[in-house]
PDB file of N, CA and C in Angstrom:
ATOM      1  N   MET A   1      22.740   2.508   4.285  1.00  0.00           N
ATOM      2  CA  MET A   1      21.703   3.107   3.464  1.00  0.00           C
ATOM      3  C   MET A   1      21.529   4.561   3.880  1.00  0.00           C
ATOM      4  N   VAL A   2      21.272   5.407   2.922  1.00  0.00           N
ATOM      5  CA  VAL A   2      21.147   6.846   3.150  1.00  0.00           C
ATOM      6  C   VAL A   2      19.993   7.152   4.102  1.00  0.00           C
ATOM      7  N   TRP A   3      18.868   6.466   3.938  1.00  0.00           N
ATOM      8  CA  TRP A   3      17.689   6.739   4.766  1.00  0.00           C
ATOM      9  C   TRP A   3      17.992   6.539   6.254  1.00  0.00           C
ATOM     10  N   LEU A   4      18.733   5.496   6.582  1.00  0.00           N
ATOM     11  CA  LEU A   4      19.067   5.247   7.982  1.00  0.00           C
ATOM     12  C   LEU A   4      19.946   6.361   8.538  1.00  0.00           C
ATOM     13  N   ASN A   5      20.875   6.871   7.727  1.00  0.00           N
ATOM     14  CA  ASN A   5      21.722   7.992   8.155  1.00  0.00           C
ATOM     15  C   ASN A   5      20.901   9.264   8.350  1.00  0.00           C
ATOM     16  N   ILE A   6      19.961   9.510   7.458  1.00  0.00           N
ATOM     17  CA  ILE A   6      19.092  10.687   7.585  1.00  0.00           C
ATOM     18  C   ILE A   6      18.304  10.610   8.887  1.00  0.00           C
ATOM     19  N   LYS A   7      17.737   9.439   9.173  1.00  0.00           N
ATOM     20  CA  LYS A   7      16.961   9.271  10.413  1.00  0.00           C
ATOM     21  C   LYS A   7      17.831   9.490  11.646  1.00  0.00           C
ATOM     22  N   ALA A   8      19.032   8.963  11.626  1.00  0.00           N
ATOM     23  CA  ALA A   8      19.937   9.123  12.770  1.00  0.00           C
ATOM     24  C   ALA A   8      20.301  10.592  12.978  1.00  0.00           C
ATOM     25  N   GLN A   9      20.590  11.294  11.901  1.00  0.00           N
ATOM     26  CA  GLN A   9      20.922  12.713  12.000  1.00  0.00           C
ATOM     27  C   GLN A   9      19.723  13.538  12.461  1.00  0.00           C
ATOM     28  N   LEU A  10      18.548  13.220  11.936  1.00  0.00           N
ATOM     29  CA  LEU A  10      17.344  13.942  12.329  1.00  0.00           C
ATOM     30  C   LEU A  10      17.059  13.771  13.818  1.00  0.00           C
ATOM     31  N   THR A  11      17.254  12.572  14.320  1.00  0.00           N
ATOM     32  CA  THR A  11      17.061  12.311  15.745  1.00  0.00           C
ATOM     33  C   THR A  11      17.979  13.190  16.590  1.00  0.00           C
ATOM     34  N   GLN A  12      19.218  13.343  16.155  1.00  0.00           N
ATOM     35  CA  GLN A  12      20.175  14.181  16.890  1.00  0.00           C
ATOM     36  C   GLN A  12      19.831  15.664  16.759  1.00  0.00           C
ATOM     37  N   ILE A  13      19.431  16.096  15.567  1.00  0.00           N
ATOM     38  CA  ILE A  13      19.149  17.517  15.324  1.00  0.00           C
ATOM     39  C   ILE A  13      17.966  17.988  16.161  1.00  0.00           C
ATOM     40  N   VAL A  14      16.881  17.230  16.167  1.00  0.00           N
ATOM     41  CA  VAL A  14      15.675  17.663  16.876  1.00  0.00           C
ATOM     42  C   VAL A  14      15.666  17.238  18.337  1.00  0.00           C
ATOM     43  N   ALA A  15      16.630  16.441  18.735  1.00  0.00           N
ATOM     44  CA  ALA A  15      16.774  15.997  20.129  1.00  0.00           C
ATOM     45  C   ALA A  15      15.501  15.347  20.663  1.00  0.00           C
ATOM     46  N   LEU A  16      14.932  14.470  19.839  1.00  0.00           N
ATOM     47  CA  LEU A  16      13.754  13.707  20.244  1.00  0.00           C
ATOM     48  C   LEU A  16      14.052  12.225  20.120  1.00  0.00           C
ATOM     49  N   GLU A  17      13.351  11.447  20.900  1.00  0.00           N
ATOM     50  CA  GLU A  17      13.459  10.000  20.794  1.00  0.00           C
ATOM     51  C   GLU A  17      12.811   9.533  19.494  1.00  0.00           C
ATOM     52  N   ARG A  18      13.218   8.366  19.047  1.00  0.00           N
ATOM     53  CA  ARG A  18      12.663   7.825  17.799  1.00  0.00           C
ATOM     54  C   ARG A  18      11.153   7.637  17.866  1.00  0.00           C
ATOM     55  N   ASP A  19      10.640   7.230  19.025  1.00  0.00           N
ATOM     56  CA  ASP A  19       9.191   7.043  19.157  1.00  0.00           C
ATOM     57  C   ASP A  19       8.442   8.346  18.895  1.00  0.00           C
ATOM     58  N   ALA A  20       8.952   9.442  19.444  1.00  0.00           N
ATOM     59  CA  ALA A  20       8.322  10.740  19.226  1.00  0.00           C
ATOM     60  C   ALA A  20       8.396  11.137  17.758  1.00  0.00           C
ATOM     61  N   LEU A  21       9.520  10.871  17.123  1.00  0.00           N
ATOM     62  CA  LEU A  21       9.653  11.193  15.703  1.00  0.00           C
ATOM     63  C   LEU A  21       8.660  10.412  14.847  1.00  0.00           C
ATOM     64  N   HIS A  22       8.423   9.159  15.215  1.00  0.00           N
ATOM     65  CA  HIS A  22       7.434   8.362  14.479  1.00  0.00           C
ATOM     66  C   HIS A  22       6.058   9.029  14.556  1.00  0.00           C
ATOM     67  N   ILE A  23       5.691   9.478  15.729  1.00  0.00           N
ATOM     68  CA  ILE A  23       4.375  10.095  15.921  1.00  0.00           C
ATOM     69  C   ILE A  23       4.279  11.408  15.162  1.00  0.00           C
ATOM     70  N   TYR A  24       5.294  12.268  15.315  1.00  0.00           N
ATOM     71  CA  TYR A  24       5.281  13.558  14.623  1.00  0.00           C
ATOM     72  C   TYR A  24       5.276  13.377  13.110  1.00  0.00           C
ATOM     73  N   ALA A  25       6.097  12.470  12.617  1.00  0.00           N
ATOM     74  CA  ALA A  25       6.157  12.231  11.171  1.00  0.00           C
ATOM     75  C   ALA A  25       4.814  11.726  10.657  1.00  0.00           C
ATOM     76  N   ALA A  26       4.172  10.859  11.420  1.00  0.00           N
ATOM     77  CA  ALA A  26       2.881  10.313  11.001  1.00  0.00           C
ATOM     78  C   ALA A  26       1.826  11.401  10.872  1.00  0.00           C
ATOM     79  N   VAL A  27       1.744  12.265  11.867  1.00  0.00           N
ATOM     80  CA  VAL A  27       0.746  13.337  11.821  1.00  0.00           C
ATOM     81  C   VAL A  27       1.084  14.336  10.714  1.00  0.00           C
ATOM     82  N   LEU A  28       2.357  14.613  10.534  1.00  0.00           N
ATOM     83  CA  LEU A  28       2.784  15.512   9.465  1.00  0.00           C
ATOM     84  C   LEU A  28       2.434  14.938   8.092  1.00  0.00           C
ATOM     85  N   ILE A  29       2.709  13.659   7.882  1.00  0.00           N
ATOM     86  CA  ILE A  29       2.373  13.013   6.602  1.00  0.00           C
ATOM     87  C   ILE A  29       0.870  13.023   6.376  1.00  0.00           C
ATOM     88  N   GLN A  30       0.114  12.654   7.395  1.00  0.00           N
ATOM     89  CA  GLN A  30      -1.347  12.614   7.265  1.00  0.00           C
ATOM     90  C   GLN A  30      -1.894  13.997   6.928  1.00  0.00           C
ATOM     91  N   SER A  31      -1.418  15.012   7.612  1.00  0.00           N
ATOM     92  CA  SER A  31      -1.887  16.378   7.368  1.00  0.00           C
ATOM     93  C   SER A  31      -1.471  16.866   5.986  1.00  0.00           C
ATOM     94  N   ALA A  32      -0.221  16.617   5.611  1.00  0.00           N
ATOM     95  CA  ALA A  32       0.278  17.080   4.312  1.00  0.00           C
ATOM     96  C   ALA A  32      -0.467  16.411   3.158  1.00  0.00           C
ATOM     97  N   VAL A  33      -0.682  15.112   3.262  1.00  0.00           N
ATOM     98  CA  VAL A  33      -1.408  14.412   2.197  1.00  0.00           C
ATOM     99  C   VAL A  33      -2.849  14.904   2.138  1.00  0.00           C
ATOM    100  N   SER A  34      -3.455  15.125   3.276  1.00  0.00           N
ATOM    101  CA  SER A  34      -4.823  15.653   3.307  1.00  0.00           C
ATOM    102  C   SER A  34      -4.904  16.996   2.585  1.00  0.00           C
ATOM    103  N   LEU A  35      -3.935  17.860   2.849  1.00  0.00           N
ATOM    104  CA  LEU A  35      -3.912  19.163   2.183  1.00  0.00           C
ATOM    105  C   LEU A  35      -3.620  19.029   0.689  1.00  0.00           C
ATOM    106  N   MET A  36      -2.677  18.165   0.331  1.00  0.00           N
ATOM    107  CA  MET A  36      -2.289  18.023  -1.076  1.00  0.00           C
ATOM    108  C   MET A  36      -3.413  17.457  -1.938  1.00  0.00           C
ATOM    109  N   ILE A  37      -4.135  16.493  -1.408  1.00  0.00           N
ATOM    110  CA  ILE A  37      -5.210  15.890  -2.211  1.00  0.00           C
ATOM    111  C   ILE A  37      -6.553  16.574  -1.975  1.00  0.00           C
ATOM    112  N   ARG A  38      -6.526  17.567  -1.101  1.00  0.00           N
ATOM    113  CA  ARG A  38      -7.725  18.351  -0.779  1.00  0.00           C
ATOM    114  C   ARG A  38      -8.889  17.478  -0.336  1.00  0.00           C
ATOM    115  N   ARG A  39      -8.554  16.613   0.594  1.00  0.00           N
ATOM    116  CA  ARG A  39      -9.547  15.748   1.221  1.00  0.00           C
ATOM    117  C   ARG A  39      -9.421  15.898   2.723  1.00  0.00           C
ATOM    118  N   PRO A  40     -10.511  15.733   3.445  1.00  0.00           N
ATOM    119  CA  PRO A  40     -10.453  15.871   4.913  1.00  0.00           C
ATOM    120  C   PRO A  40      -9.745  14.680   5.552  1.00  0.00           C
ATOM    121  N   LEU A  41      -9.417  14.841   6.817  1.00  0.00           N
ATOM    122  CA  LEU A  41      -8.787  13.753   7.565  1.00  0.00           C
ATOM    123  C   LEU A  41      -9.700  12.530   7.676  1.00  0.00           C
ATOM    124  N   SER A  42     -10.976  12.718   7.456  1.00  0.00           N
ATOM    125  CA  SER A  42     -11.904  11.594   7.500  1.00  0.00           C
ATOM    126  C   SER A  42     -11.788  10.704   6.265  1.00  0.00           C
ATOM    127  N   HIS A  43     -11.113  11.179   5.234  1.00  0.00           N
ATOM    128  CA  HIS A  43     -10.894  10.385   4.026  1.00  0.00           C
ATOM    129  C   HIS A  43      -9.775   9.371   4.301  1.00  0.00           C
ATOM    130  N   PRO A  44      -9.885   8.151   3.806  1.00  0.00           N
ATOM    131  CA  PRO A  44      -8.882   7.132   4.132  1.00  0.00           C
ATOM    132  C   PRO A  44      -7.514   7.326   3.469  1.00  0.00           C
ATOM    133  N   LEU A  45      -7.413   8.093   2.390  1.00  0.00           N
ATOM    134  CA  LEU A  45      -6.125   8.208   1.698  1.00  0.00           C
ATOM    135  C   LEU A  45      -5.002   8.815   2.543  1.00  0.00           C
ATOM    136  N   PRO A  46      -5.238   9.880   3.308  1.00  0.00           N
ATOM    137  CA  PRO A  46      -4.140  10.375   4.158  1.00  0.00           C
ATOM    138  C   PRO A  46      -3.674   9.326   5.167  1.00  0.00           C
ATOM    139  N   TRP A  47      -4.597   8.572   5.724  1.00  0.00           N
ATOM    140  CA  TRP A  47      -4.246   7.503   6.662  1.00  0.00           C
ATOM    141  C   TRP A  47      -3.453   6.404   5.953  1.00  0.00           C
ATOM    142  N   LEU A  48      -3.885   6.055   4.750  1.00  0.00           N
ATOM    143  CA  LEU A  48      -3.173   5.034   3.985  1.00  0.00           C
ATOM    144  C   LEU A  48      -1.761   5.487   3.623  1.00  0.00           C
ATOM    145  N   ALA A  49      -1.577   6.774   3.374  1.00  0.00           N
ATOM    146  CA  ALA A  49      -0.235   7.296   3.092  1.00  0.00           C
ATOM    147  C   ALA A  49       0.675   7.108   4.299  1.00  0.00           C
ATOM    148  N   VAL A  50       0.140   7.340   5.489  1.00  0.00           N
ATOM    149  CA  VAL A  50       0.920   7.119   6.711  1.00  0.00           C
ATOM    150  C   VAL A  50       1.277   5.643   6.847  1.00  0.00           C
ATOM    151  N   LEU A  51       0.306   4.782   6.624  1.00  0.00           N
ATOM    152  CA  LEU A  51       0.554   3.346   6.725  1.00  0.00           C
ATOM    153  C   LEU A  51       1.624   2.916   5.725  1.00  0.00           C
ATOM    154  N   LEU A  52       1.535   3.392   4.493  1.00  0.00           N
ATOM    155  CA  LEU A  52       2.526   3.046   3.478  1.00  0.00           C
ATOM    156  C   LEU A  52       3.918   3.545   3.871  1.00  0.00           C
ATOM    157  N   ALA A  53       3.999   4.783   4.329  1.00  0.00           N
ATOM    158  CA  ALA A  53       5.293   5.332   4.757  1.00  0.00           C
ATOM    159  C   ALA A  53       5.868   4.536   5.920  1.00  0.00           C
ATOM    160  N   ALA A  54       5.028   4.163   6.863  1.00  0.00           N
ATOM    161  CA  ALA A  54       5.490   3.388   8.016  1.00  0.00           C
ATOM    162  C   ALA A  54       5.978   2.009   7.589  1.00  0.00           C
ATOM    163  N   LEU A  55       5.250   1.380   6.679  1.00  0.00           N
ATOM    164  CA  LEU A  55       5.660   0.051   6.200  1.00  0.00           C
ATOM    165  C   LEU A  55       6.984   0.117   5.438  1.00  0.00           C
ATOM    166  N   VAL A  56       7.139   1.129   4.599  1.00  0.00           N
ATOM    167  CA  VAL A  56       8.390   1.287   3.857  1.00  0.00           C
ATOM    168  C   VAL A  56       9.544   1.557   4.817  1.00  0.00           C
ATOM    169  N   ASN A  57       9.311   2.402   5.808  1.00  0.00           N
ATOM    170  CA  ASN A  57      10.344   2.701   6.797  1.00  0.00           C
ATOM    171  C   ASN A  57      10.755   1.447   7.569  1.00  0.00           C
ATOM    172  N   GLU A  58       9.787   0.674   7.994  1.00  0.00           N
ATOM    173  CA  GLU A  58      10.103  -0.538   8.752  1.00  0.00           C
ATOM    174  C   GLU A  58      10.763  -1.593   7.868  1.00  0.00           C
ATOM    175  N   TRP A  59      10.357  -1.666   6.611  1.00  0.00           N
ATOM    176  CA  TRP A  59      11.043  -2.571   5.676  1.00  0.00           C
ATOM    177  C   TRP A  59      12.520  -2.179   5.567  1.00  0.00           C
ATOM    178  N   ALA A  60      12.786  -0.866   5.431  1.00  0.00           N
ATOM    179  CA  ALA A  60      14.174  -0.400   5.339  1.00  0.00           C
ATOM    180  C   ALA A  60      14.940  -0.745   6.610  1.00  0.00           C
ATOM    181  N   ASP A  61      14.303  -0.548   7.755  1.00  0.00           N
ATOM    182  CA  ASP A  61      14.962  -0.898   9.027  1.00  0.00           C
ATOM    183  C   ASP A  61      15.297  -2.384   9.085  1.00  0.00           C
ATOM    184  N   LEU A  62      14.334  -3.213   8.724  1.00  0.00           N
ATOM    185  CA  LEU A  62      14.547  -4.660   8.788  1.00  0.00           C
ATOM    186  C   LEU A  62      15.567  -5.134   7.760  1.00  0.00           C
ATOM    187  N   THR A  63      15.623  -4.453   6.645  1.00  0.00           N
ATOM    188  CA  THR A  63      16.503  -4.871   5.560  1.00  0.00           C
ATOM    189  C   THR A  63      17.933  -4.372   5.735  1.00  0.00           C
ATOM    190  N   PHE A  64      18.088  -3.131   6.187  1.00  0.00           N
ATOM    191  CA  PHE A  64      19.404  -2.506   6.142  1.00  0.00           C
ATOM    192  C   PHE A  64      20.068  -2.268   7.495  1.00  0.00           C
ATOM    193  N   GLU A  65      19.300  -2.286   8.581  1.00  0.00           N
ATOM    194  CA  GLU A  65      19.930  -2.130   9.894  1.00  0.00           C
ATOM    195  C   GLU A  65      20.701  -3.393  10.240  1.00  0.00           C
ATOM    196  N   ILE A  66      21.873  -3.212  10.783  1.00  0.00           N
ATOM    197  CA  ILE A  66      22.707  -4.354  11.161  1.00  0.00           C
ATOM    198  C   ILE A  66      22.521  -4.614  12.653  1.00  0.00           C
ATOM    199  N   TRP A  67      22.014  -5.793  12.958  1.00  0.00           N
ATOM    200  CA  TRP A  67      21.791  -6.212  14.339  1.00  0.00           C
ATOM    201  C   TRP A  67      22.749  -7.359  14.657  1.00  0.00           C
ATOM    202  N   PRO A  68      23.129  -7.478  15.922  1.00  0.00           N
ATOM    203  CA  PRO A  68      23.995  -8.612  16.304  1.00  0.00           C
ATOM    204  C   PRO A  68      23.288  -9.944  16.051  1.00  0.00           C
ATOM    205  N   GLU A  69      24.077 -10.965  15.827  1.00  0.00           N
ATOM    206  CA  GLU A  69      23.526 -12.322  15.651  1.00  0.00           C
ATOM    207  C   GLU A  69      22.603 -12.663  16.828  1.00  0.00           C
ATOM    208  N   GLY A  70      21.498 -13.274  16.538  1.00  0.00           N
ATOM    209  CA  GLY A  70      20.583 -13.710  17.583  1.00  0.00           C
ATOM    210  C   GLY A  70      19.577 -12.659  18.023  1.00  0.00           C
ATOM    211  N   ASP A  71      19.691 -11.426  17.520  1.00  0.00           N
ATOM    212  CA  ASP A  71      18.762 -10.360  17.913  1.00  0.00           C
ATOM    213  C   ASP A  71      17.667 -10.124  16.875  1.00  0.00           C
ATOM    214  N   ARG A  72      17.539 -11.027  15.919  1.00  0.00           N
ATOM    215  CA  ARG A  72      16.539 -10.838  14.853  1.00  0.00           C
ATOM    216  C   ARG A  72      15.123 -10.775  15.421  1.00  0.00           C
ATOM    217  N   ASP A  73      14.821 -11.602  16.432  1.00  0.00           N
ATOM    218  CA  ASP A  73      13.486 -11.559  17.047  1.00  0.00           C
ATOM    219  C   ASP A  73      13.231 -10.206  17.690  1.00  0.00           C
ATOM    220  N   ARG A  74      14.236  -9.678  18.370  1.00  0.00           N
ATOM    221  CA  ARG A  74      14.093  -8.362  18.989  1.00  0.00           C
ATOM    222  C   ARG A  74      13.908  -7.282  17.926  1.00  0.00           C
ATOM    223  N   GLN A  75      14.588  -7.427  16.796  1.00  0.00           N
ATOM    224  CA  GLN A  75      14.441  -6.465  15.712  1.00  0.00           C
ATOM    225  C   GLN A  75      13.007  -6.468  15.174  1.00  0.00           C
ATOM    226  N   TRP A  76      12.428  -7.647  14.998  1.00  0.00           N
ATOM    227  CA  TRP A  76      11.036  -7.740  14.538  1.00  0.00           C
ATOM    228  C   TRP A  76      10.082  -7.138  15.573  1.00  0.00           C
ATOM    229  N   THR A  77      10.347  -7.397  16.853  1.00  0.00           N
ATOM    230  CA  THR A  77       9.505  -6.851  17.918  1.00  0.00           C
ATOM    231  C   THR A  77       9.560  -5.333  17.917  1.00  0.00           C
ATOM    232  N   GLU A  78      10.754  -4.770  17.791  1.00  0.00           N
ATOM    233  CA  GLU A  78      10.884  -3.310  17.765  1.00  0.00           C
ATOM    234  C   GLU A  78      10.246  -2.717  16.520  1.00  0.00           C
ATOM    235  N   SER A  79      10.333  -3.414  15.417  1.00  0.00           N
ATOM    236  CA  SER A  79       9.717  -2.947  14.190  1.00  0.00           C
ATOM    237  C   SER A  79       8.189  -2.915  14.333  1.00  0.00           C
ATOM    238  N   ALA A  80       7.632  -3.951  14.922  1.00  0.00           N
ATOM    239  CA  ALA A  80       6.183  -3.985  15.165  1.00  0.00           C
ATOM    240  C   ALA A  80       5.778  -2.866  16.115  1.00  0.00           C
ATOM    241  N   HIS A  81       6.586  -2.642  17.147  1.00  0.00           N
ATOM    242  CA  HIS A  81       6.331  -1.544  18.083  1.00  0.00           C
ATOM    243  C   HIS A  81       6.318  -0.207  17.353  1.00  0.00           C
ATOM    244  N   ASP A  82       7.301   0.014  16.486  1.00  0.00           N
ATOM    245  CA  ASP A  82       7.376   1.262  15.724  1.00  0.00           C
ATOM    246  C   ASP A  82       6.168   1.433  14.817  1.00  0.00           C
ATOM    247  N   LEU A  83       5.751   0.357  14.177  1.00  0.00           N
ATOM    248  CA  LEU A  83       4.606   0.427  13.272  1.00  0.00           C
ATOM    249  C   LEU A  83       3.334   0.799  14.029  1.00  0.00           C
ATOM    250  N   VAL A  84       3.096   0.155  15.149  1.00  0.00           N
ATOM    251  CA  VAL A  84       1.917   0.471  15.958  1.00  0.00           C
ATOM    252  C   VAL A  84       2.002   1.902  16.479  1.00  0.00           C
ATOM    253  N   ASN A  85       3.163   2.281  16.995  1.00  0.00           N
ATOM    254  CA  ASN A  85       3.367   3.620  17.537  1.00  0.00           C
ATOM    255  C   ASN A  85       3.110   4.695  16.474  1.00  0.00           C
ATOM    256  N   THR A  86       3.492   4.406  15.254  1.00  0.00           N
ATOM    257  CA  THR A  86       3.340   5.358  14.165  1.00  0.00           C
ATOM    258  C   THR A  86       1.889   5.512  13.736  1.00  0.00           C
ATOM    259  N   ILE A  87       1.132   4.449  13.737  1.00  0.00           N
ATOM    260  CA  ILE A  87      -0.203   4.478  13.133  1.00  0.00           C
ATOM    261  C   ILE A  87      -1.329   4.787  14.121  1.00  0.00           C
ATOM    262  N   VAL A  88      -1.056   4.731  15.421  1.00  0.00           N
ATOM    263  CA  VAL A  88      -2.130   4.918  16.409  1.00  0.00           C
ATOM    264  C   VAL A  88      -2.764   6.312  16.316  1.00  0.00           C
ATOM    265  N   LEU A  89      -1.989   7.373  16.399  1.00  0.00           N
ATOM    266  CA  LEU A  89      -2.570   8.719  16.386  1.00  0.00           C
ATOM    267  C   LEU A  89      -3.262   9.032  15.060  1.00  0.00           C
ATOM    268  N   PRO A  90      -2.680   8.713  13.905  1.00  0.00           N
ATOM    269  CA  PRO A  90      -3.421   8.926  12.663  1.00  0.00           C
ATOM    270  C   PRO A  90      -4.732   8.136  12.606  1.00  0.00           C
ATOM    271  N   THR A  91      -4.754   6.959  13.209  1.00  0.00           N
ATOM    272  CA  THR A  91      -5.991   6.185  13.248  1.00  0.00           C
ATOM    273  C   THR A  91      -7.036   6.882  14.118  1.00  0.00           C
ATOM    274  N   VAL A  92      -6.604   7.387  15.257  1.00  0.00           N
ATOM    275  CA  VAL A  92      -7.516   8.133  16.134  1.00  0.00           C
ATOM    276  C   VAL A  92      -8.058   9.367  15.404  1.00  0.00           C
ATOM    277  N   LEU A  93      -7.184  10.096  14.725  1.00  0.00           N
ATOM    278  CA  LEU A  93      -7.630  11.283  13.982  1.00  0.00           C
ATOM    279  C   LEU A  93      -8.609  10.915  12.878  1.00  0.00           C
ATOM    280  N   LEU A  94      -8.320   9.843  12.152  1.00  0.00           N
ATOM    281  CA  LEU A  94      -9.231   9.389  11.099  1.00  0.00           C
ATOM    282  C   LEU A  94     -10.601   9.049  11.674  1.00  0.00           C
ATOM    283  N   LEU A  95     -10.625   8.277  12.745  1.00  0.00           N
ATOM    284  CA  LEU A  95     -11.900   7.852  13.335  1.00  0.00           C
ATOM    285  C   LEU A  95     -12.677   9.018  13.930  1.00  0.00           C
ATOM    286  N   LEU A  96     -11.974   9.923  14.615  1.00  0.00           N
ATOM    287  CA  LEU A  96     -12.661  11.085  15.175  1.00  0.00           C
ATOM    288  C   LEU A  96     -13.202  11.991  14.073  1.00  0.00           C
ATOM    289  N   ALA A  97     -12.403  12.222  13.045  1.00  0.00           N
ATOM    290  CA  ALA A  97     -12.856  13.079  11.945  1.00  0.00           C
ATOM    291  C   ALA A  97     -14.042  12.460  11.220  1.00  0.00           C
ATOM    292  N   ARG A  98     -14.051  11.150  11.155  1.00  0.00           N
ATOM    293  CA  ARG A  98     -15.123  10.456  10.433  1.00  0.00           C
ATOM    294  C   ARG A  98     -16.394  10.321  11.274  1.00  0.00           C
ATOM    295  N   TYR A  99     -16.237   9.959  12.553  1.00  0.00           N
ATOM    296  CA  TYR A  99     -17.408   9.636  13.368  1.00  0.00           C
ATOM    297  C   TYR A  99     -17.771  10.683  14.413  1.00  0.00           C
ATOM    298  N   ALA A 100     -16.918  11.663  14.623  1.00  0.00           N
ATOM    299  CA  ALA A 100     -17.223  12.759  15.550  1.00  0.00           C
ATOM    300  C   ALA A 100     -16.716  14.077  14.957  1.00  0.00           C
ATOM    301  N   PRO A 101     -17.165  14.421  13.754  1.00  0.00           N
ATOM    302  CA  PRO A 101     -16.642  15.608  13.075  1.00  0.00           C
ATOM    303  C   PRO A 101     -16.919  16.911  13.817  1.00  0.00           C
ATOM    304  N   ALA A 102     -17.894  16.915  14.684  1.00  0.00           N
ATOM    305  CA  ALA A 102     -18.206  18.137  15.437  1.00  0.00           C
ATOM    306  C   ALA A 102     -17.034  18.564  16.312  1.00  0.00           C
ATOM    307  N   LEU A 103     -16.161  17.650  16.658  1.00  0.00           N
ATOM    308  CA  LEU A 103     -14.982  17.996  17.456  1.00  0.00           C
ATOM    309  C   LEU A 103     -14.025  18.909  16.695  1.00  0.00           C
ATOM    310  N   PHE A 104     -14.116  18.914  15.365  1.00  0.00           N
ATOM    311  CA  PHE A 104     -13.202  19.675  14.529  1.00  0.00           C
ATOM    312  C   PHE A 104     -13.820  20.957  13.968  1.00  0.00           C
ATOM    313  N   VAL A 105     -15.051  21.240  14.354  1.00  0.00           N
ATOM    314  CA  VAL A 105     -15.759  22.390  13.787  1.00  0.00           C
ATOM    315  C   VAL A 105     -15.974  23.445  14.856  1.00  0.00           C
ATOM    316  N   ASN A 106     -15.632  24.671  14.507  1.00  0.00           N
ATOM    317  CA  ASN A 106     -15.894  25.800  15.404  1.00  0.00           C
ATOM    318  C   ASN A 106     -17.279  26.335  15.068  1.00  0.00           C
ATOM    319  N   ARG A 107     -18.171  26.214  15.993  1.00  0.00           N
ATOM    320  CA  ARG A 107     -19.535  26.670  15.762  1.00  0.00           C
ATOM    321  C   ARG A 107     -19.736  28.113  16.164  1.00  0.00           C
ATOM    322  N   GLY A 108     -18.664  28.750  16.617  1.00  0.00           N
ATOM    323  CA  GLY A 108     -18.754  30.157  16.986  1.00  0.00           C
ATOM    324  C   GLY A 108     -19.438  30.410  18.313  1.00  0.00           C
ATOM    325  N   GLU A 109     -19.635  29.365  19.072  1.00  0.00           N
ATOM    326  CA  GLU A 109     -20.296  29.523  20.366  1.00  0.00           C
ATOM    327  C   GLU A 109     -19.278  29.901  21.417  1.00  0.00           C
ATOM    328  N   ALA A 110     -19.577  30.902  22.184  1.00  0.00           N
ATOM    329  CA  ALA A 110     -18.709  31.275  23.310  1.00  0.00           C
ATOM    330  C   ALA A 110     -18.988  30.310  24.452  1.00  0.00           C
ATOM    331  N   GLY A 111     -17.934  29.903  25.088  1.00  0.00           N
ATOM    332  CA  GLY A 111     -18.229  28.945  26.123  1.00  0.00           C
ATOM    333  C   GLY A 111     -17.283  29.019  27.197  1.00  0.00           C
TER     334      GLY A 111
END
């Protein structure tokens, strides 16, 4: 599948581990969707976009990656790990933006 080749090439180009790419991609998607729909990070839609992208990515991995016989359980475990790894930081950003918005506001106070 083309998507798997793109991911493999991207990993080599940026010289980052897949876990790091999941985190960076998640924050990039959340930020981009927030800007495109002109809603703050406290709005659930940017977070939902990350969740949808992560689910589609993991579906593609589970569907098209070829694993040796008997490693299907490990594949599911790694997929769950990737999903959690991808969604944790966007969830933290959503919750902080929603329940502690003062952390994101510059009040102009010298400190």
